[in-house]
Each structure stands twice: as structure tokens, then as C-alpha cells.
Amino acid sequence: DDYSTIIDEIEAYGHGLADKPRIVAINKVDSSIEEIIDEHVAALRQHYDGEIFVISAVTGEGIQPLLCAIWAAVETDRQLRIEADILAISGDEELPSKEDSI
């Protein structure tokens, strides 16, 4: 299963990468039959319980929601870093390491 292989590679890499937030997308839906797409989504559901974006890079289908999710993840990480910086300046907590953010 491709998803498991990718996750295994990410975990093998280390450096906290496997602990980062994930955004999962299935591409090339413009060239797939809907039933096959549904099968891929169902297979991914066995390993991943987050939102799965179904996209086509060629037609642009599904790209906007994916970009919004990426933007939201970046903004969340940015806000957490700002809060950590404020806490660190006040002496209440240490700054997060690079591995703790996206």
C-alpha cells in the first residue's frame, strides 16, 4: 500500500517529521473512474482518519480546498510559534524546536 510505504519512509527519516501534521490528497481524479477513486479513499481510511482531498492538478478540481487546508495548517503553526515566543520572552516556557512545527 503506497500510503504505508510513504509513512514508513517518513518515519525512517526521523528528525520528528512523522510527528508533523499531515495533509493527504489523491491526485489524477480527472483520469479515474469514480468507483476507483472511492476505493482509493476507502483504502486510505484504513490508515488515515483525517480529511482526504481528491484533486486533479490538470483540471484544478479540488485544488482550492487543498490550498485552504495548507494555509490553515501554516497559520496554526505560525500562531503556535508566536505564542511560544511570547511565553519564552516572559520566561514561562522554552521556544519550540524546528522539529515541533511544520
N, C-alpha and C. Protein backbone atom coordinates (compact mmCIF):
# COMPACT_ATOMS: atom_id res chain seq x y z
N ASP A 1 0.85 -1.18 0.00
CA ASP A 1 0.00 0.00 0.00
C ASP A 1 0.89 1.23 0.00
N ASP A 2 0.65 2.13 -0.93
CA ASP A 2 1.51 3.31 -1.13
C ASP A 2 1.57 4.21 0.10
N TYR A 3 0.44 4.43 0.74
CA TYR A 3 0.41 5.31 1.91
C TYR A 3 1.32 4.77 3.00
N SER A 4 1.23 3.49 3.29
CA SER A 4 2.07 2.88 4.33
C SER A 4 3.54 2.98 3.97
N THR A 5 3.86 2.79 2.71
CA THR A 5 5.25 2.90 2.27
C THR A 5 5.78 4.31 2.50
N ILE A 6 4.98 5.30 2.14
CA ILE A 6 5.39 6.70 2.33
C ILE A 6 5.57 7.00 3.82
N ILE A 7 4.64 6.58 4.65
CA ILE A 7 4.74 6.83 6.09
C ILE A 7 5.95 6.11 6.67
N ASP A 8 6.21 4.89 6.23
CA ASP A 8 7.40 4.17 6.69
C ASP A 8 8.67 4.94 6.35
N GLU A 9 8.73 5.49 5.16
CA GLU A 9 9.90 6.28 4.74
C GLU A 9 10.03 7.55 5.59
N ILE A 10 8.92 8.21 5.86
CA ILE A 10 8.94 9.42 6.69
C ILE A 10 9.42 9.08 8.10
N GLU A 11 8.92 7.98 8.65
CA GLU A 11 9.34 7.58 10.00
C GLU A 11 10.81 7.18 10.02
N ALA A 12 11.28 6.53 8.97
CA ALA A 12 12.68 6.12 8.90
C ALA A 12 13.60 7.34 8.82
N TYR A 13 13.13 8.38 8.18
CA TYR A 13 13.92 9.61 8.07
C TYR A 13 14.19 10.22 9.44
N GLY A 14 13.19 10.15 10.31
CA GLY A 14 13.35 10.67 11.67
C GLY A 14 13.23 12.18 11.74
N HIS A 15 13.98 12.78 12.65
CA HIS A 15 14.01 14.23 12.85
C HIS A 15 12.63 14.81 13.16
N GLY A 16 11.73 14.00 13.69
CA GLY A 16 10.41 14.48 14.06
C GLY A 16 9.44 14.66 12.92
N LEU A 17 9.86 14.31 11.72
CA LEU A 17 9.00 14.52 10.55
C LEU A 17 7.68 13.76 10.64
N ALA A 18 7.71 12.55 11.19
CA ALA A 18 6.50 11.74 11.29
C ALA A 18 5.48 12.34 12.26
N ASP A 19 5.94 13.24 13.14
CA ASP A 19 5.05 13.86 14.11
C ASP A 19 4.39 15.14 13.59
N LYS A 20 4.75 15.55 12.40
CA LYS A 20 4.20 16.78 11.82
C LYS A 20 2.76 16.53 11.35
N PRO A 21 1.98 17.60 11.27
CA PRO A 21 0.62 17.46 10.72
C PRO A 21 0.69 16.94 9.28
N ARG A 22 -0.33 16.19 8.89
CA ARG A 22 -0.38 15.64 7.54
C ARG A 22 -1.60 16.15 6.80
N ILE A 23 -1.39 16.37 5.53
CA ILE A 23 -2.48 16.68 4.61
C ILE A 23 -2.36 15.66 3.48
N VAL A 24 -3.43 14.91 3.27
CA VAL A 24 -3.40 13.80 2.31
C VAL A 24 -4.30 14.14 1.13
N ALA A 25 -3.75 13.91 -0.08
CA ALA A 25 -4.53 14.16 -1.30
C ALA A 25 -4.35 13.01 -2.27
N ILE A 26 -5.41 12.72 -3.00
CA ILE A 26 -5.36 11.76 -4.10
C ILE A 26 -5.44 12.58 -5.39
N ASN A 27 -4.45 12.43 -6.25
CA ASN A 27 -4.36 13.21 -7.48
C ASN A 27 -4.83 12.38 -8.68
N LYS A 28 -4.97 13.04 -9.79
CA LYS A 28 -5.32 12.45 -11.09
C LYS A 28 -6.76 11.95 -11.14
N VAL A 29 -7.65 12.61 -10.40
CA VAL A 29 -9.05 12.18 -10.42
C VAL A 29 -9.70 12.44 -11.77
N ASP A 30 -9.09 13.32 -12.56
CA ASP A 30 -9.65 13.60 -13.89
C ASP A 30 -9.52 12.40 -14.81
N SER A 31 -8.58 11.50 -14.51
CA SER A 31 -8.38 10.34 -15.39
C SER A 31 -8.82 9.03 -14.74
N SER A 32 -9.58 9.14 -13.65
CA SER A 32 -10.02 7.94 -12.93
C SER A 32 -11.53 7.82 -12.91
N ILE A 33 -11.98 6.60 -12.82
CA ILE A 33 -13.41 6.31 -12.68
C ILE A 33 -13.79 6.54 -11.23
N GLU A 34 -14.96 7.10 -10.99
CA GLU A 34 -15.39 7.46 -9.64
C GLU A 34 -15.32 6.29 -8.66
N GLU A 35 -15.68 5.11 -9.11
CA GLU A 35 -15.64 3.95 -8.22
C GLU A 35 -14.21 3.63 -7.77
N ILE A 36 -13.25 3.84 -8.69
CA ILE A 36 -11.85 3.59 -8.35
C ILE A 36 -11.37 4.63 -7.34
N ILE A 37 -11.78 5.87 -7.51
CA ILE A 37 -11.43 6.92 -6.55
C ILE A 37 -11.99 6.57 -5.18
N ASP A 38 -13.25 6.14 -5.16
CA ASP A 38 -13.88 5.75 -3.89
C ASP A 38 -13.12 4.61 -3.23
N GLU A 39 -12.63 3.66 -4.03
CA GLU A 39 -11.85 2.55 -3.49
C GLU A 39 -10.55 3.04 -2.86
N HIS A 40 -9.89 3.99 -3.54
CA HIS A 40 -8.64 4.55 -3.01
C HIS A 40 -8.89 5.30 -1.71
N VAL A 41 -9.96 6.08 -1.67
CA VAL A 41 -10.29 6.80 -0.44
C VAL A 41 -10.59 5.81 0.68
N ALA A 42 -11.35 4.77 0.39
CA ALA A 42 -11.67 3.76 1.41
C ALA A 42 -10.41 3.06 1.91
N ALA A 43 -9.47 2.79 1.01
CA ALA A 43 -8.21 2.15 1.41
C ALA A 43 -7.40 3.08 2.31
N LEU A 44 -7.37 4.35 1.96
CA LEU A 44 -6.65 5.32 2.80
C LEU A 44 -7.29 5.46 4.18
N ARG A 45 -8.60 5.37 4.24
CA ARG A 45 -9.34 5.50 5.51
C ARG A 45 -8.88 4.44 6.52
N GLN A 46 -8.36 3.32 6.04
CA GLN A 46 -7.88 2.28 6.95
C GLN A 46 -6.63 2.72 7.69
N HIS A 47 -5.92 3.73 7.15
CA HIS A 47 -4.66 4.18 7.73
C HIS A 47 -4.67 5.63 8.20
N TYR A 48 -5.64 6.40 7.74
CA TYR A 48 -5.64 7.85 7.98
C TYR A 48 -7.06 8.31 8.23
N ASP A 49 -7.27 8.96 9.38
CA ASP A 49 -8.64 9.37 9.70
C ASP A 49 -8.91 10.85 9.46
N GLY A 50 -7.93 11.57 8.91
CA GLY A 50 -8.12 12.98 8.61
C GLY A 50 -8.83 13.17 7.27
N GLU A 51 -8.96 14.42 6.89
CA GLU A 51 -9.59 14.73 5.61
C GLU A 51 -8.69 14.28 4.46
N ILE A 52 -9.30 13.68 3.45
CA ILE A 52 -8.58 13.26 2.26
C ILE A 52 -9.08 14.11 1.10
N PHE A 53 -8.16 14.85 0.49
CA PHE A 53 -8.52 15.73 -0.61
C PHE A 53 -8.40 14.96 -1.92
N VAL A 54 -9.42 15.06 -2.73
CA VAL A 54 -9.44 14.41 -4.05
C VAL A 54 -9.25 15.54 -5.05
N ILE A 55 -8.11 15.48 -5.78
CA ILE A 55 -7.75 16.61 -6.63
C ILE A 55 -7.35 16.17 -8.03
N SER A 56 -7.32 17.15 -8.92
CA SER A 56 -6.74 16.99 -10.24
C SER A 56 -5.85 18.19 -10.49
N ALA A 57 -4.56 17.95 -10.61
CA ALA A 57 -3.64 19.04 -10.92
C ALA A 57 -3.88 19.56 -12.34
N VAL A 58 -4.37 18.71 -13.22
CA VAL A 58 -4.61 19.10 -14.61
C VAL A 58 -5.80 20.03 -14.73
N THR A 59 -6.94 19.64 -14.13
CA THR A 59 -8.16 20.45 -14.28
C THR A 59 -8.35 21.46 -13.15
N GLY A 60 -7.62 21.28 -12.06
CA GLY A 60 -7.77 22.18 -10.91
C GLY A 60 -8.85 21.74 -9.94
N GLU A 61 -9.52 20.65 -10.24
CA GLU A 61 -10.58 20.15 -9.37
C GLU A 61 -10.02 19.86 -7.97
N GLY A 62 -10.67 20.39 -6.96
CA GLY A 62 -10.31 20.12 -5.57
C GLY A 62 -9.09 20.88 -5.06
N ILE A 63 -8.45 21.67 -5.91
CA ILE A 63 -7.22 22.37 -5.51
C ILE A 63 -7.50 23.46 -4.48
N GLN A 64 -8.57 24.21 -4.65
CA GLN A 64 -8.86 25.31 -3.72
C GLN A 64 -9.04 24.82 -2.27
N PRO A 65 -9.84 23.79 -2.02
CA PRO A 65 -9.95 23.30 -0.65
C PRO A 65 -8.61 22.79 -0.09
N LEU A 66 -7.80 22.17 -0.95
CA LEU A 66 -6.49 21.71 -0.52
C LEU A 66 -5.61 22.89 -0.12
N LEU A 67 -5.59 23.92 -0.95
CA LEU A 67 -4.80 25.12 -0.62
C LEU A 67 -5.28 25.77 0.67
N CYS A 68 -6.58 25.80 0.88
CA CYS A 68 -7.12 26.36 2.12
C CYS A 68 -6.66 25.56 3.33
N ALA A 69 -6.63 24.24 3.20
CA ALA A 69 -6.18 23.39 4.31
C ALA A 69 -4.69 23.60 4.59
N ILE A 70 -3.90 23.75 3.53
CA ILE A 70 -2.47 24.01 3.71
C ILE A 70 -2.28 25.35 4.40
N TRP A 71 -3.00 26.37 3.93
CA TRP A 71 -2.90 27.70 4.53
C TRP A 71 -3.30 27.66 6.01
N ALA A 72 -4.37 26.96 6.32
CA ALA A 72 -4.82 26.87 7.71
C ALA A 72 -3.76 26.19 8.58
N ALA A 73 -3.12 25.14 8.05
CA ALA A 73 -2.08 24.45 8.81
C ALA A 73 -0.88 25.37 9.06
N VAL A 74 -0.51 26.13 8.05
CA VAL A 74 0.61 27.07 8.20
C VAL A 74 0.26 28.16 9.21
N GLU A 75 -0.95 28.69 9.13
CA GLU A 75 -1.38 29.73 10.06
C GLU A 75 -1.44 29.21 11.50
N THR A 76 -1.92 27.99 11.67
CA THR A 76 -1.96 27.38 13.01
C THR A 76 -0.56 27.25 13.57
N ASP A 77 0.36 26.75 12.75
CA ASP A 77 1.75 26.61 13.18
C ASP A 77 2.35 27.97 13.52
N ARG A 78 2.09 28.95 12.69
CA ARG A 78 2.62 30.30 12.92
C ARG A 78 2.10 30.84 14.25
N GLN A 79 0.81 30.67 14.51
CA GLN A 79 0.24 31.16 15.75
C GLN A 79 0.84 30.45 16.97
N LEU A 80 1.04 29.16 16.87
CA LEU A 80 1.65 28.41 17.97
C LEU A 80 3.07 28.88 18.23
N ARG A 81 3.82 29.18 17.17
CA ARG A 81 5.18 29.70 17.34
C ARG A 81 5.18 31.08 17.99
N ILE A 82 4.26 31.92 17.59
CA ILE A 82 4.16 33.25 18.19
C ILE A 82 3.85 33.13 19.68
N GLU A 83 2.89 32.28 20.01
CA GLU A 83 2.54 32.09 21.42
C GLU A 83 3.72 31.53 22.21
N ALA A 84 4.47 30.60 21.61
CA ALA A 84 5.64 30.04 22.28
C ALA A 84 6.71 31.10 22.47
N ASP A 85 6.87 31.98 21.47
CA ASP A 85 7.84 33.07 21.60
C ASP A 85 7.46 34.01 22.74
N ILE A 86 6.19 34.32 22.84
CA ILE A 86 5.72 35.21 23.91
C ILE A 86 5.97 34.56 25.26
N LEU A 87 5.66 33.29 25.37
CA LEU A 87 5.90 32.58 26.63
C LEU A 87 7.39 32.53 26.96
N ALA A 88 8.22 32.34 25.94
CA ALA A 88 9.66 32.27 26.17
C ALA A 88 10.20 33.63 26.62
N ILE A 89 9.71 34.69 26.03
CA ILE A 89 10.15 36.03 26.42
C ILE A 89 9.74 36.32 27.85
N SER A 90 8.57 35.84 28.22
CA SER A 90 8.11 36.08 29.59
C SER A 90 8.77 35.13 30.58
N GLY A 91 9.54 34.16 30.06
CA GLY A 91 10.26 33.23 30.92
C GLY A 91 9.45 32.05 31.40
N ASP A 92 8.27 31.84 30.84
CA ASP A 92 7.42 30.75 31.29
C ASP A 92 7.69 29.43 30.58
N GLU A 93 8.27 29.47 29.40
CA GLU A 93 8.43 28.24 28.62
C GLU A 93 9.53 28.44 27.59
N GLU A 94 10.14 27.34 27.15
CA GLU A 94 11.17 27.42 26.12
C GLU A 94 10.53 27.50 24.74
N LEU A 95 11.29 28.03 23.78
CA LEU A 95 10.84 28.07 22.40
C LEU A 95 10.75 26.66 21.84
N PRO A 96 9.79 26.42 20.95
CA PRO A 96 9.74 25.10 20.32
C PRO A 96 10.92 24.95 19.37
N SER A 97 11.38 23.72 19.19
CA SER A 97 12.45 23.48 18.23
C SER A 97 11.86 23.48 16.82
N LYS A 98 12.73 23.49 15.83
CA LYS A 98 12.27 23.44 14.45
C LYS A 98 11.42 22.21 14.20
N GLU A 99 11.73 21.10 14.87
CA GLU A 99 11.01 19.84 14.67
C GLU A 99 9.58 19.91 15.21
N ASP A 100 9.29 20.88 16.06
CA ASP A 100 7.96 20.98 16.66
C ASP A 100 6.96 21.70 15.78
N SER A 101 7.39 22.21 14.65
CA SER A 101 6.47 22.94 13.78
C SER A 101 6.51 22.35 12.39
N ILE A 102 5.72 22.92 11.52
CA ILE A 102 5.64 22.42 10.13
C ILE A 102 6.96 22.63 9.45
